[in-house]
PDB file of all heavy atoms in Angstrom:
ATOM      1  N   LEU A   1       1.167  10.208  10.464  1.00  0.00           N
ATOM      2  CA  LEU A   1       0.774  11.268   9.458  1.00  0.00           C
ATOM      3  C   LEU A   1       0.863  10.695   8.075  1.00  0.00           C
ATOM      4  O   LEU A   1      -0.058  10.795   7.330  1.00  0.00           O
ATOM      5  CB  LEU A   1       1.641  12.524   9.610  1.00  0.00           C
ATOM      6  CG  LEU A   1       1.409  13.616   8.645  1.00  0.00           C
ATOM      7  CD1 LEU A   1      -0.033  14.134   8.774  1.00  0.00           C
ATOM      8  CD2 LEU A   1       2.364  14.702   8.833  1.00  0.00           C
ATOM      9  N   VAL A   2       1.996  10.077   7.710  1.00  0.00           N
ATOM     10  CA  VAL A   2       2.169   9.527   6.404  1.00  0.00           C
ATOM     11  C   VAL A   2       1.180   8.372   6.195  1.00  0.00           C
ATOM     12  O   VAL A   2       0.583   8.188   5.165  1.00  0.00           O
ATOM     13  CB  VAL A   2       3.630   9.093   6.176  1.00  0.00           C
ATOM     14  CG1 VAL A   2       3.766   8.442   4.824  1.00  0.00           C
ATOM     15  CG2 VAL A   2       4.564  10.278   6.338  1.00  0.00           C
ATOM     16  N   TYR A   3       1.053   7.543   7.257  1.00  0.00           N
ATOM     17  CA  TYR A   3       0.194   6.396   7.207  1.00  0.00           C
ATOM     18  C   TYR A   3      -1.248   6.849   6.895  1.00  0.00           C
ATOM     19  O   TYR A   3      -1.910   6.247   6.054  1.00  0.00           O
ATOM     20  CB  TYR A   3       0.247   5.721   8.592  1.00  0.00           C
ATOM     21  CG  TYR A   3      -0.296   4.315   8.675  1.00  0.00           C
ATOM     22  CD1 TYR A   3       0.592   3.274   8.885  1.00  0.00           C
ATOM     23  CD2 TYR A   3      -1.627   4.034   8.545  1.00  0.00           C
ATOM     24  CE1 TYR A   3       0.114   1.948   8.955  1.00  0.00           C
ATOM     25  CE2 TYR A   3      -2.104   2.698   8.665  1.00  0.00           C
ATOM     26  CZ  TYR A   3      -1.234   1.712   8.869  1.00  0.00           C
ATOM     27  OH  TYR A   3      -1.706   0.399   8.983  1.00  0.00           O
ATOM     28  N   ALA A   4      -1.698   7.903   7.521  1.00  0.00           N
ATOM     29  CA  ALA A   4      -3.020   8.389   7.326  1.00  0.00           C
ATOM     30  C   ALA A   4      -3.244   8.936   5.962  1.00  0.00           C
ATOM     31  O   ALA A   4      -4.284   8.594   5.248  1.00  0.00           O
ATOM     32  CB  ALA A   4      -3.422   9.485   8.388  1.00  0.00           C
ATOM     33  N   VAL A   5      -2.313   9.716   5.481  1.00  0.00           N
ATOM     34  CA  VAL A   5      -2.393  10.349   4.109  1.00  0.00           C
ATOM     35  C   VAL A   5      -2.454   9.236   3.029  1.00  0.00           C
ATOM     36  O   VAL A   5      -3.198   9.390   2.045  1.00  0.00           O
ATOM     37  CB  VAL A   5      -1.265  11.303   3.883  1.00  0.00           C
ATOM     38  CG1 VAL A   5      -1.174  11.687   2.408  1.00  0.00           C
ATOM     39  CG2 VAL A   5      -1.402  12.533   4.786  1.00  0.00           C
ATOM     40  N   ALA A   6      -1.759   8.197   3.282  1.00  0.00           N
ATOM     41  CA  ALA A   6      -1.643   7.115   2.249  1.00  0.00           C
ATOM     42  C   ALA A   6      -2.787   6.114   2.237  1.00  0.00           C
ATOM     43  O   ALA A   6      -2.879   5.288   1.332  1.00  0.00           O
ATOM     44  CB  ALA A   6      -0.354   6.291   2.452  1.00  0.00           C
ATOM     45  N   GLN A   7      -3.746   6.230   3.191  1.00  0.00           N
ATOM     46  CA  GLN A   7      -4.733   5.167   3.242  1.00  0.00           C
ATOM     47  C   GLN A   7      -5.669   5.046   2.087  1.00  0.00           C
ATOM     48  O   GLN A   7      -5.923   3.982   1.590  1.00  0.00           O
ATOM     49  CB  GLN A   7      -5.557   5.381   4.561  1.00  0.00           C
ATOM     50  CG  GLN A   7      -4.828   4.980   5.842  1.00  0.00           C
ATOM     51  CD  GLN A   7      -4.243   3.552   5.736  1.00  0.00           C
ATOM     52  OE1 GLN A   7      -4.979   2.584   5.791  1.00  0.00           O
ATOM     53  NE2 GLN A   7      -2.934   3.427   5.597  1.00  0.00           N
ATOM     54  N   ILE A   8      -6.250   6.144   1.613  1.00  0.00           N
ATOM     55  CA  ILE A   8      -7.188   6.083   0.509  1.00  0.00           C
ATOM     56  C   ILE A   8      -6.439   5.660  -0.817  1.00  0.00           C
ATOM     57  O   ILE A   8      -6.917   4.770  -1.486  1.00  0.00           O
ATOM     58  CB  ILE A   8      -7.927   7.407   0.331  1.00  0.00           C
ATOM     59  CG1 ILE A   8      -8.888   7.567   1.479  1.00  0.00           C
ATOM     60  CG2 ILE A   8      -8.749   7.390  -1.017  1.00  0.00           C
ATOM     61  CD1 ILE A   8      -9.672   8.849   1.492  1.00  0.00           C
ATOM     62  N   PRO A   9      -5.287   6.201  -1.083  1.00  0.00           N
ATOM     63  CA  PRO A   9      -4.534   5.625  -2.252  1.00  0.00           C
ATOM     64  C   PRO A   9      -4.232   4.184  -2.054  1.00  0.00           C
ATOM     65  O   PRO A   9      -4.265   3.418  -3.036  1.00  0.00           O
ATOM     66  CB  PRO A   9      -3.226   6.494  -2.265  1.00  0.00           C
ATOM     67  CG  PRO A   9      -3.604   7.792  -1.637  1.00  0.00           C
ATOM     68  CD  PRO A   9      -4.624   7.463  -0.590  1.00  0.00           C
ATOM     69  N   THR A  10      -3.974   3.747  -0.779  1.00  0.00           N
ATOM     70  CA  THR A  10      -3.688   2.370  -0.565  1.00  0.00           C
ATOM     71  C   THR A  10      -4.956   1.507  -0.909  1.00  0.00           C
ATOM     72  O   THR A  10      -4.848   0.450  -1.517  1.00  0.00           O
ATOM     73  CB  THR A  10      -3.339   2.118   0.918  1.00  0.00           C
ATOM     74  OG1 THR A  10      -2.091   2.730   1.164  1.00  0.00           O
ATOM     75  CG2 THR A  10      -3.324   0.640   1.271  1.00  0.00           C
ATOM     76  N   GLY A  11      -6.148   2.011  -0.535  1.00  0.00           N
ATOM     77  CA  GLY A  11      -7.370   1.332  -0.909  1.00  0.00           C
ATOM     78  C   GLY A  11      -7.519   1.166  -2.365  1.00  0.00           C
ATOM     79  O   GLY A  11      -7.914   0.076  -2.919  1.00  0.00           O
ATOM     80  N   VAL A  12      -7.177   2.202  -3.140  1.00  0.00           N
ATOM     81  CA  VAL A  12      -7.261   2.121  -4.618  1.00  0.00           C
ATOM     82  C   VAL A  12      -6.258   1.091  -5.152  1.00  0.00           C
ATOM     83  O   VAL A  12      -6.601   0.285  -5.962  1.00  0.00           O
ATOM     84  CB  VAL A  12      -6.992   3.553  -5.198  1.00  0.00           C
ATOM     85  CG1 VAL A  12      -6.929   3.461  -6.714  1.00  0.00           C
ATOM     86  CG2 VAL A  12      -8.050   4.535  -4.753  1.00  0.00           C
ATOM     87  N   LEU A  13      -5.064   1.162  -4.621  1.00  0.00           N
ATOM     88  CA  LEU A  13      -4.028   0.194  -5.097  1.00  0.00           C
ATOM     89  C   LEU A  13      -4.445  -1.246  -4.700  1.00  0.00           C
ATOM     90  O   LEU A  13      -4.254  -2.181  -5.528  1.00  0.00           O
ATOM     91  CB  LEU A  13      -2.670   0.551  -4.413  1.00  0.00           C
ATOM     92  CG  LEU A  13      -2.030   1.853  -4.915  1.00  0.00           C
ATOM     93  CD1 LEU A  13      -0.839   2.186  -4.023  1.00  0.00           C
ATOM     94  CD2 LEU A  13      -1.617   1.779  -6.395  1.00  0.00           C
ATOM     95  N   ALA A  14      -4.923  -1.429  -3.540  1.00  0.00           N
ATOM     96  CA  ALA A  14      -5.305  -2.836  -3.107  1.00  0.00           C
ATOM     97  C   ALA A  14      -6.446  -3.305  -3.985  1.00  0.00           C
ATOM     98  O   ALA A  14      -6.451  -4.501  -4.364  1.00  0.00           O
ATOM     99  CB  ALA A  14      -5.742  -2.808  -1.642  1.00  0.00           C
ATOM    100  N   ASP A  15      -7.412  -2.466  -4.343  1.00  0.00           N
ATOM    101  CA  ASP A  15      -8.473  -2.899  -5.166  1.00  0.00           C
ATOM    102  C   ASP A  15      -8.013  -3.229  -6.584  1.00  0.00           C
ATOM    103  O   ASP A  15      -8.519  -4.118  -7.259  1.00  0.00           O
ATOM    104  CB  ASP A  15      -9.590  -1.783  -5.273  1.00  0.00           C
ATOM    105  CG  ASP A  15     -10.445  -1.703  -3.943  1.00  0.00           C
ATOM    106  OD1 ASP A  15     -10.444  -2.715  -3.269  1.00  0.00           O
ATOM    107  OD2 ASP A  15     -11.045  -0.654  -3.769  1.00  0.00           O
ATOM    108  N   ARG A  16      -7.036  -2.481  -7.087  1.00  0.00           N
ATOM    109  CA  ARG A  16      -6.631  -2.621  -8.529  1.00  0.00           C
ATOM    110  C   ARG A  16      -5.505  -3.651  -8.701  1.00  0.00           C
ATOM    111  O   ARG A  16      -5.519  -4.385  -9.697  1.00  0.00           O
ATOM    112  CB  ARG A  16      -6.174  -1.285  -9.044  1.00  0.00           C
ATOM    113  CG  ARG A  16      -7.312  -0.322  -9.366  1.00  0.00           C
ATOM    114  CD  ARG A  16      -6.846   0.927  -9.990  1.00  0.00           C
ATOM    115  NE  ARG A  16      -6.136   0.758 -11.254  1.00  0.00           N
ATOM    116  CZ  ARG A  16      -6.705   0.528 -12.446  1.00  0.00           C
ATOM    117  NH1 ARG A  16      -8.004   0.452 -12.543  1.00  0.00           N
ATOM    118  NH2 ARG A  16      -5.997   0.374 -13.525  1.00  0.00           N
ATOM    119  N   PHE A  17      -4.592  -3.691  -7.768  1.00  0.00           N
ATOM    120  CA  PHE A  17      -3.392  -4.533  -8.068  1.00  0.00           C
ATOM    121  C   PHE A  17      -3.242  -5.751  -7.100  1.00  0.00           C
ATOM    122  O   PHE A  17      -2.419  -6.618  -7.391  1.00  0.00           O
ATOM    123  CB  PHE A  17      -2.115  -3.638  -7.944  1.00  0.00           C
ATOM    124  CG  PHE A  17      -2.085  -2.535  -8.955  1.00  0.00           C
ATOM    125  CD1 PHE A  17      -2.254  -1.230  -8.569  1.00  0.00           C
ATOM    126  CD2 PHE A  17      -1.889  -2.745 -10.289  1.00  0.00           C
ATOM    127  CE1 PHE A  17      -2.266  -0.201  -9.456  1.00  0.00           C
ATOM    128  CE2 PHE A  17      -1.879  -1.767 -11.222  1.00  0.00           C
ATOM    129  CZ  PHE A  17      -2.056  -0.468 -10.811  1.00  0.00           C
ATOM    130  N   GLY A  18      -3.972  -5.790  -6.035  1.00  0.00           N
ATOM    131  CA  GLY A  18      -3.970  -6.955  -5.197  1.00  0.00           C
ATOM    132  C   GLY A  18      -2.782  -6.981  -4.226  1.00  0.00           C
ATOM    133  O   GLY A  18      -1.904  -6.149  -4.258  1.00  0.00           O
ATOM    134  N   PRO A  19      -2.808  -8.021  -3.328  1.00  0.00           N
ATOM    135  CA  PRO A  19      -1.804  -8.071  -2.244  1.00  0.00           C
ATOM    136  C   PRO A  19      -0.409  -8.401  -2.599  1.00  0.00           C
ATOM    137  O   PRO A  19       0.458  -8.058  -1.889  1.00  0.00           O
ATOM    138  CB  PRO A  19      -2.432  -9.110  -1.330  1.00  0.00           C
ATOM    139  CG  PRO A  19      -3.244 -10.032  -2.254  1.00  0.00           C
ATOM    140  CD  PRO A  19      -3.768  -9.133  -3.257  1.00  0.00           C
ATOM    141  N   ARG A  20      -0.228  -9.157  -3.678  1.00  0.00           N
ATOM    142  CA  ARG A  20       1.107  -9.579  -4.017  1.00  0.00           C
ATOM    143  C   ARG A  20       2.053  -8.419  -4.230  1.00  0.00           C
ATOM    144  O   ARG A  20       3.141  -8.386  -3.578  1.00  0.00           O
ATOM    145  CB  ARG A  20       1.100 -10.430  -5.310  1.00  0.00           C
ATOM    146  CG  ARG A  20       2.443 -11.016  -5.603  1.00  0.00           C
ATOM    147  CD  ARG A  20       2.444 -11.735  -6.970  1.00  0.00           C
ATOM    148  NE  ARG A  20       3.655 -12.566  -7.087  1.00  0.00           N
ATOM    149  CZ  ARG A  20       4.062 -13.163  -8.216  1.00  0.00           C
ATOM    150  NH1 ARG A  20       3.252 -13.059  -9.314  1.00  0.00           N
ATOM    151  NH2 ARG A  20       5.163 -13.853  -8.259  1.00  0.00           N
ATOM    152  N   TYR A  21       1.648  -7.479  -5.028  1.00  0.00           N
ATOM    153  CA  TYR A  21       2.548  -6.364  -5.315  1.00  0.00           C
ATOM    154  C   TYR A  21       2.459  -5.295  -4.233  1.00  0.00           C
ATOM    155  O   TYR A  21       3.500  -4.788  -3.811  1.00  0.00           O
ATOM    156  CB  TYR A  21       2.165  -5.809  -6.709  1.00  0.00           C
ATOM    157  CG  TYR A  21       2.382  -6.772  -7.821  1.00  0.00           C
ATOM    158  CD1 TYR A  21       1.302  -7.432  -8.359  1.00  0.00           C
ATOM    159  CD2 TYR A  21       3.678  -7.134  -8.213  1.00  0.00           C
ATOM    160  CE1 TYR A  21       1.499  -8.415  -9.417  1.00  0.00           C
ATOM    161  CE2 TYR A  21       3.828  -8.086  -9.213  1.00  0.00           C
ATOM    162  CZ  TYR A  21       2.797  -8.708  -9.817  1.00  0.00           C
ATOM    163  OH  TYR A  21       2.963  -9.656 -10.760  1.00  0.00           O
ATOM    164  N   VAL A  22       1.263  -4.916  -3.830  1.00  0.00           N
ATOM    165  CA  VAL A  22       1.117  -3.856  -2.831  1.00  0.00           C
ATOM    166  C   VAL A  22       1.740  -4.244  -1.465  1.00  0.00           C
ATOM    167  O   VAL A  22       2.467  -3.482  -0.891  1.00  0.00           O
ATOM    168  CB  VAL A  22      -0.335  -3.474  -2.664  1.00  0.00           C
ATOM    169  CG1 VAL A  22      -0.484  -2.349  -1.670  1.00  0.00           C
ATOM    170  CG2 VAL A  22      -0.974  -2.983  -4.009  1.00  0.00           C
ATOM    171  N   GLY A  23       1.461  -5.491  -1.066  1.00  0.00           N
ATOM    172  CA  GLY A  23       1.960  -5.935   0.249  1.00  0.00           C
ATOM    173  C   GLY A  23       3.501  -6.089   0.256  1.00  0.00           C
ATOM    174  O   GLY A  23       4.154  -5.728   1.204  1.00  0.00           O
ATOM    175  N   SER A  24       4.069  -6.688  -0.797  1.00  0.00           N
ATOM    176  CA  SER A  24       5.504  -6.924  -0.849  1.00  0.00           C
ATOM    177  C   SER A  24       6.259  -5.622  -0.933  1.00  0.00           C
ATOM    178  O   SER A  24       7.304  -5.442  -0.301  1.00  0.00           O
ATOM    179  CB  SER A  24       5.850  -7.872  -1.962  1.00  0.00           C
ATOM    180  OG  SER A  24       5.500  -7.331  -3.244  1.00  0.00           O
ATOM    181  N   ILE A  25       5.785  -4.685  -1.774  1.00  0.00           N
ATOM    182  CA  ILE A  25       6.471  -3.366  -1.874  1.00  0.00           C
ATOM    183  C   ILE A  25       6.381  -2.590  -0.574  1.00  0.00           C
ATOM    184  O   ILE A  25       7.381  -2.017  -0.130  1.00  0.00           O
ATOM    185  CB  ILE A  25       5.854  -2.562  -3.083  1.00  0.00           C
ATOM    186  CG1 ILE A  25       6.235  -3.242  -4.416  1.00  0.00           C
ATOM    187  CG2 ILE A  25       6.416  -1.159  -3.020  1.00  0.00           C
ATOM    188  CD1 ILE A  25       5.541  -2.623  -5.557  1.00  0.00           C
ATOM    189  N   GLY A  26       5.227  -2.693   0.079  1.00  0.00           N
ATOM    190  CA  GLY A  26       5.082  -2.034   1.394  1.00  0.00           C
ATOM    191  C   GLY A  26       6.074  -2.575   2.382  1.00  0.00           C
ATOM    192  O   GLY A  26       6.728  -1.845   3.134  1.00  0.00           O
ATOM    193  N   GLY A  27       6.224  -3.929   2.458  1.00  0.00           N
ATOM    194  CA  GLY A  27       7.174  -4.500   3.358  1.00  0.00           C
ATOM    195  C   GLY A  27       8.612  -4.123   3.068  1.00  0.00           C
ATOM    196  O   GLY A  27       9.387  -3.878   4.022  1.00  0.00           O
ATOM    197  N   PHE A  28       8.924  -3.977   1.815  1.00  0.00           N
ATOM    198  CA  PHE A  28      10.292  -3.556   1.446  1.00  0.00           C
ATOM    199  C   PHE A  28      10.549  -2.081   1.901  1.00  0.00           C
ATOM    200  O   PHE A  28      11.592  -1.781   2.418  1.00  0.00           O
ATOM    201  CB  PHE A  28      10.517  -3.709  -0.067  1.00  0.00           C
ATOM    202  CG  PHE A  28      11.849  -3.252  -0.541  1.00  0.00           C
ATOM    203  CD1 PHE A  28      12.961  -4.102  -0.500  1.00  0.00           C
ATOM    204  CD2 PHE A  28      12.045  -2.010  -1.086  1.00  0.00           C
ATOM    205  CE1 PHE A  28      14.193  -3.661  -0.941  1.00  0.00           C
ATOM    206  CE2 PHE A  28      13.285  -1.564  -1.537  1.00  0.00           C
ATOM    207  CZ  PHE A  28      14.362  -2.445  -1.440  1.00  0.00           C
ATOM    208  N   VAL A  29       9.590  -1.223   1.629  1.00  0.00           N
ATOM    209  CA  VAL A  29       9.782   0.195   1.889  1.00  0.00           C
ATOM    210  C   VAL A  29       9.851   0.426   3.408  1.00  0.00           C
ATOM    211  O   VAL A  29      10.724   1.220   3.906  1.00  0.00           O
ATOM    212  CB  VAL A  29       8.649   1.032   1.264  1.00  0.00           C
ATOM    213  CG1 VAL A  29       8.684   2.482   1.740  1.00  0.00           C
ATOM    214  CG2 VAL A  29       8.732   0.965  -0.250  1.00  0.00           C
ATOM    215  N   LEU A  30       8.986  -0.213   4.202  1.00  0.00           N
ATOM    216  CA  LEU A  30       9.060  -0.019   5.636  1.00  0.00           C
ATOM    217  C   LEU A  30      10.405  -0.491   6.217  1.00  0.00           C
ATOM    218  O   LEU A  30      10.954   0.118   7.170  1.00  0.00           O
ATOM    219  CB  LEU A  30       7.892  -0.620   6.357  1.00  0.00           C
ATOM    220  CG  LEU A  30       7.789  -2.130   6.624  1.00  0.00           C
ATOM    221  CD1 LEU A  30       8.492  -2.488   7.938  1.00  0.00           C
ATOM    222  CD2 LEU A  30       6.371  -2.626   6.661  1.00  0.00           C
ATOM    223  N   SER A  31      10.935  -1.552   5.644  1.00  0.00           N
ATOM    224  CA  SER A  31      12.200  -2.083   6.161  1.00  0.00           C
ATOM    225  C   SER A  31      13.369  -1.181   5.755  1.00  0.00           C
ATOM    226  O   SER A  31      14.314  -0.985   6.507  1.00  0.00           O
ATOM    227  CB  SER A  31      12.470  -3.476   5.563  1.00  0.00           C
ATOM    228  OG  SER A  31      11.410  -4.356   5.993  1.00  0.00           O
TER     229      SER A  31
END
């Protein structure tokens, strides 16, 4: 449910900020 809701904001973040910040923060939060 959370995964689905976050997808479009994720697309916006990925387009604007790139994988370094979005990917590393995501890995930290899931852990």
